[in-house]
Amino acid sequence: MYSSNKSSLPISLIAIDGHGGSGKSTLANLLADKLQAQIIHTDDFAGWDNPLNWWPLVIERVFEPIKNGEKLLNYPRSKWWETHNPEPVVNQSVTPIMILEGVSSLRKEFRPYISYGIFIDTPLEICLQRGFERDKGQDGKSDEEIRQMWGQWYKDEEAYIERDNPKEFADLVADGTKSFDETSEKVAEWVKGL
């Protein structure tokens, strides 16, 4: 379990990790509404050619500005994500509670900034199906091309999970096959204790 009191940020940062298609965005949206928090999507930094090596950009463009007292984040969005969100730049207010959502959000390099970590545990077959359904037809790619991209993506994810073991460092492991109501209540209780 990760020690929740070691964040070097002047805000509370909740990190939500898990495989692609595990339910991270769903939980992040639920928590953002419940906690009046802003969401930082790691997909804004990632790309198929650079799926997990973007992390220095998050430290440089998100964590360090917050640490230095910035009240507004401003950073370019990865071109990879423009099919889902065409805005080329993210302009986001810093709130007392922020949520970092995406694969590798609990990576070792981010742990000094994290206040509370959640890992969503979802069987890979379900993740693959969800991811395929979400990304089907993206950028005019065929179903087979999407399956191939997801196959490579999971190899990269597995290497990260083996290296950083995010589930072990999470404060909470959530079942991605069930409703997130109970999970969101547990996180809300943690926030009340701040």
Protein backbone atom coordinates (compact mmCIF):
# COMPACT_ATOMS: atom_id res chain seq x y z
CA MET A 1 0.00 0.00 0.00
CA TYR A 2 1.17 3.46 -0.83
CA SER A 3 1.61 5.94 2.02
CA SER A 4 -1.00 8.62 1.36
CA ASN A 5 0.68 11.42 3.25
CA LYS A 6 3.88 11.82 1.24
CA SER A 7 2.73 13.91 -1.71
CA SER A 8 4.97 16.84 -2.51
CA LEU A 9 2.06 18.75 -4.08
CA PRO A 10 -0.02 21.46 -2.33
CA ILE A 11 -3.19 19.66 -3.50
CA SER A 12 -4.52 16.12 -3.11
CA LEU A 13 -3.80 14.03 -6.20
CA ILE A 14 -5.81 10.84 -6.70
CA ALA A 15 -4.23 8.51 -9.27
CA ILE A 16 -6.37 5.89 -11.04
CA ASP A 17 -4.45 3.13 -12.82
CA GLY A 18 -5.36 -0.15 -14.53
CA HIS A 19 -5.28 -1.75 -17.95
CA GLY A 20 -6.71 0.04 -20.96
CA GLY A 21 -10.46 -0.60 -20.94
CA SER A 22 -10.55 -1.39 -17.21
CA GLY A 23 -12.89 1.47 -16.25
CA LYS A 24 -10.47 4.22 -15.21
CA SER A 25 -12.25 7.01 -17.09
CA THR A 26 -15.64 5.88 -15.78
CA LEU A 27 -14.42 6.00 -12.17
CA ALA A 28 -12.57 9.29 -12.74
CA ASN A 29 -15.73 10.95 -14.07
CA LEU A 30 -17.77 9.64 -11.13
CA LEU A 31 -15.20 10.91 -8.62
CA ALA A 32 -14.79 14.26 -10.36
CA ASP A 33 -18.52 14.90 -10.03
CA LYS A 34 -18.63 13.70 -6.43
CA LEU A 35 -15.49 15.56 -5.28
CA GLN A 36 -15.64 18.62 -7.55
CA ALA A 37 -12.24 17.65 -8.90
CA GLN A 38 -10.52 18.21 -12.23
CA ILE A 39 -9.28 15.23 -14.27
CA ILE A 40 -5.85 14.99 -15.90
CA HIS A 41 -6.02 12.34 -18.64
CA THR A 42 -2.74 10.60 -19.42
CA ASP A 43 -4.18 10.01 -22.91
CA ASP A 44 -3.58 13.72 -23.50
CA PHE A 45 0.16 12.89 -23.42
CA ALA A 46 0.28 9.39 -24.94
CA GLY A 47 0.28 8.02 -28.47
CA TRP A 48 0.37 4.63 -30.15
CA ASP A 49 4.05 5.20 -30.95
CA ASN A 50 4.79 6.39 -27.40
CA PRO A 51 2.21 4.64 -25.22
CA LEU A 52 4.01 4.76 -21.87
CA ASN A 53 7.14 6.90 -22.25
CA TRP A 54 5.39 10.28 -22.01
CA TRP A 55 5.64 10.50 -18.22
CA PRO A 56 8.33 13.25 -18.11
CA LEU A 57 5.81 15.57 -19.79
CA VAL A 58 3.31 15.06 -16.95
CA ILE A 59 5.95 15.95 -14.37
CA GLU A 60 7.09 18.98 -16.38
CA ARG A 61 3.70 20.32 -17.48
CA VAL A 62 1.41 19.25 -14.63
CA PHE A 63 3.12 18.29 -11.37
CA GLU A 64 5.88 20.91 -11.31
CA PRO A 65 3.55 23.83 -12.16
CA ILE A 66 1.15 22.70 -9.42
CA LYS A 67 4.05 22.31 -7.00
CA ASN A 68 5.15 25.87 -7.88
CA GLY A 69 1.73 27.30 -7.09
CA GLU A 70 0.29 27.67 -10.59
CA LYS A 71 -3.51 27.98 -10.59
CA LEU A 72 -3.99 27.18 -14.28
CA LEU A 73 -2.47 24.33 -16.27
CA ASN A 74 -1.83 24.84 -19.96
CA TYR A 75 -0.27 22.11 -22.10
CA PRO A 76 -0.53 20.76 -25.65
CA ARG A 77 -2.61 17.64 -26.15
CA SER A 78 -1.16 14.64 -27.99
CA LYS A 79 -2.30 14.39 -31.60
CA TRP A 80 -3.20 10.76 -30.88
CA TRP A 81 -6.22 11.81 -28.91
CA GLU A 82 -7.60 14.43 -31.29
CA THR A 83 -10.12 11.98 -32.78
CA HIS A 84 -11.80 11.94 -29.35
CA ASN A 85 -11.14 15.53 -28.33
CA PRO A 86 -10.14 17.97 -31.07
CA GLU A 87 -9.01 20.77 -28.75
CA PRO A 88 -5.22 21.02 -29.31
CA VAL A 89 -4.43 22.60 -25.92
CA VAL A 90 -5.61 21.76 -22.41
CA ASN A 91 -6.45 24.75 -20.22
CA GLN A 92 -7.40 23.52 -16.78
CA SER A 93 -7.85 25.10 -13.38
CA VAL A 94 -5.97 23.58 -10.47
CA THR A 95 -8.44 22.46 -7.81
CA PRO A 96 -7.84 21.25 -4.23
CA ILE A 97 -8.42 17.69 -5.46
CA MET A 98 -7.14 16.58 -8.86
CA ILE A 99 -7.48 13.16 -10.49
CA LEU A 100 -4.75 11.65 -12.67
CA GLU A 101 -6.41 8.99 -14.82
CA GLY A 102 -4.75 6.56 -17.19
CA VAL A 103 -2.51 3.57 -17.70
CA SER A 104 0.66 3.94 -15.61
CA SER A 105 -0.73 6.68 -13.34
CA LEU A 106 0.78 4.79 -10.39
CA ARG A 107 4.21 4.50 -12.00
CA LYS A 108 7.23 4.83 -9.70
CA GLU A 109 8.16 8.25 -11.09
CA PHE A 110 4.76 9.70 -10.08
CA ARG A 111 4.57 8.31 -6.54
CA PRO A 112 6.16 11.35 -4.85
CA TYR A 113 3.23 13.42 -6.16
CA ILE A 114 0.36 11.02 -5.40
CA SER A 115 -1.85 11.38 -2.34
CA TYR A 116 -4.11 8.37 -2.96
CA GLY A 117 -3.79 5.55 -5.48
CA ILE A 118 -6.47 3.34 -7.00
CA PHE A 119 -5.84 0.33 -9.22
CA ILE A 120 -8.80 -1.02 -11.20
CA ASP A 121 -8.53 -4.79 -11.52
CA THR A 122 -10.44 -6.01 -14.58
CA PRO A 123 -9.91 -9.29 -16.50
CA LEU A 124 -7.91 -8.71 -19.68
CA GLU A 125 -10.59 -10.26 -21.91
CA ILE A 126 -13.08 -7.63 -20.71
CA CYS A 127 -10.53 -4.83 -21.11
CA LEU A 128 -9.74 -5.91 -24.66
CA GLN A 129 -13.41 -6.05 -25.62
CA ARG A 130 -14.14 -2.63 -24.10
CA GLY A 131 -11.07 -1.09 -25.72
CA PHE A 132 -11.84 -2.57 -29.11
CA GLU A 133 -15.45 -1.36 -28.99
CA ARG A 134 -14.33 2.13 -27.95
CA ASP A 135 -11.62 2.46 -30.60
CA LYS A 136 -13.34 0.65 -33.49
CA GLY A 137 -13.08 2.73 -36.66
CA GLN A 138 -10.66 5.23 -35.08
CA ASP A 139 -8.64 7.14 -37.68
CA GLY A 140 -10.18 4.98 -40.44
CA LYS A 141 -8.33 1.89 -39.20
CA SER A 142 -9.75 -1.57 -39.91
CA ASP A 143 -10.90 -3.87 -37.12
CA GLU A 144 -7.77 -5.97 -37.66
CA GLU A 145 -5.49 -2.92 -37.37
CA ILE A 146 -7.23 -1.94 -34.11
CA ARG A 147 -6.79 -5.49 -32.75
CA GLN A 148 -3.09 -5.40 -33.67
CA MET A 149 -2.63 -2.02 -31.95
CA TRP A 150 -4.35 -3.32 -28.81
CA GLY A 151 -2.17 -6.45 -28.89
CA GLN A 152 0.98 -4.29 -28.89
CA TRP A 153 -0.53 -1.94 -26.32
CA TYR A 154 -1.07 -4.81 -23.87
CA LYS A 155 2.52 -5.99 -24.30
CA ASP A 156 3.65 -2.48 -23.32
CA GLU A 157 1.20 -2.39 -20.40
CA GLU A 158 2.34 -5.77 -19.10
CA ALA A 159 5.98 -4.63 -19.16
CA TYR A 160 4.99 -1.56 -17.11
CA ILE A 161 2.92 -3.60 -14.64
CA GLU A 162 5.73 -6.12 -14.17
CA ARG A 163 8.28 -3.32 -13.64
CA ASP A 164 6.28 -0.98 -11.36
CA ASN A 165 3.69 -3.31 -9.78
CA PRO A 166 1.03 -0.58 -9.42
CA LYS A 167 -1.52 -2.88 -7.77
CA GLU A 168 0.82 -3.38 -4.81
CA PHE A 169 1.23 0.37 -4.32
CA ALA A 170 -2.47 1.24 -4.60
CA ASP A 171 -4.36 2.37 -1.51
CA LEU A 172 -7.46 0.76 -3.01
CA VAL A 173 -7.95 -2.03 -5.55
CA ALA A 174 -11.34 -1.78 -7.27
CA ASP A 175 -13.14 -4.52 -9.20
CA GLY A 176 -13.65 -3.16 -12.71
CA THR A 177 -16.49 -5.60 -13.43
CA LYS A 178 -18.75 -4.09 -10.76
CA SER A 179 -20.37 -0.73 -10.08
CA PHE A 180 -17.98 1.92 -8.80
CA ASP A 181 -20.47 3.25 -6.23
CA GLU A 182 -18.74 1.53 -3.29
CA THR A 183 -15.30 2.57 -4.54
CA SER A 184 -16.37 6.20 -4.88
CA GLU A 185 -17.78 6.13 -1.33
CA LYS A 186 -14.46 4.82 0.04
CA VAL A 187 -12.57 7.59 -1.74
CA ALA A 188 -15.07 10.21 -0.50
CA GLU A 189 -14.48 8.97 3.07
CA TRP A 190 -10.73 9.35 2.57
CA VAL A 191 -11.26 12.91 1.30
CA LYS A 192 -13.35 13.76 4.38
CA GLY A 193 -10.36 12.79 6.52
CA LEU A 194 -8.08 15.34 4.87
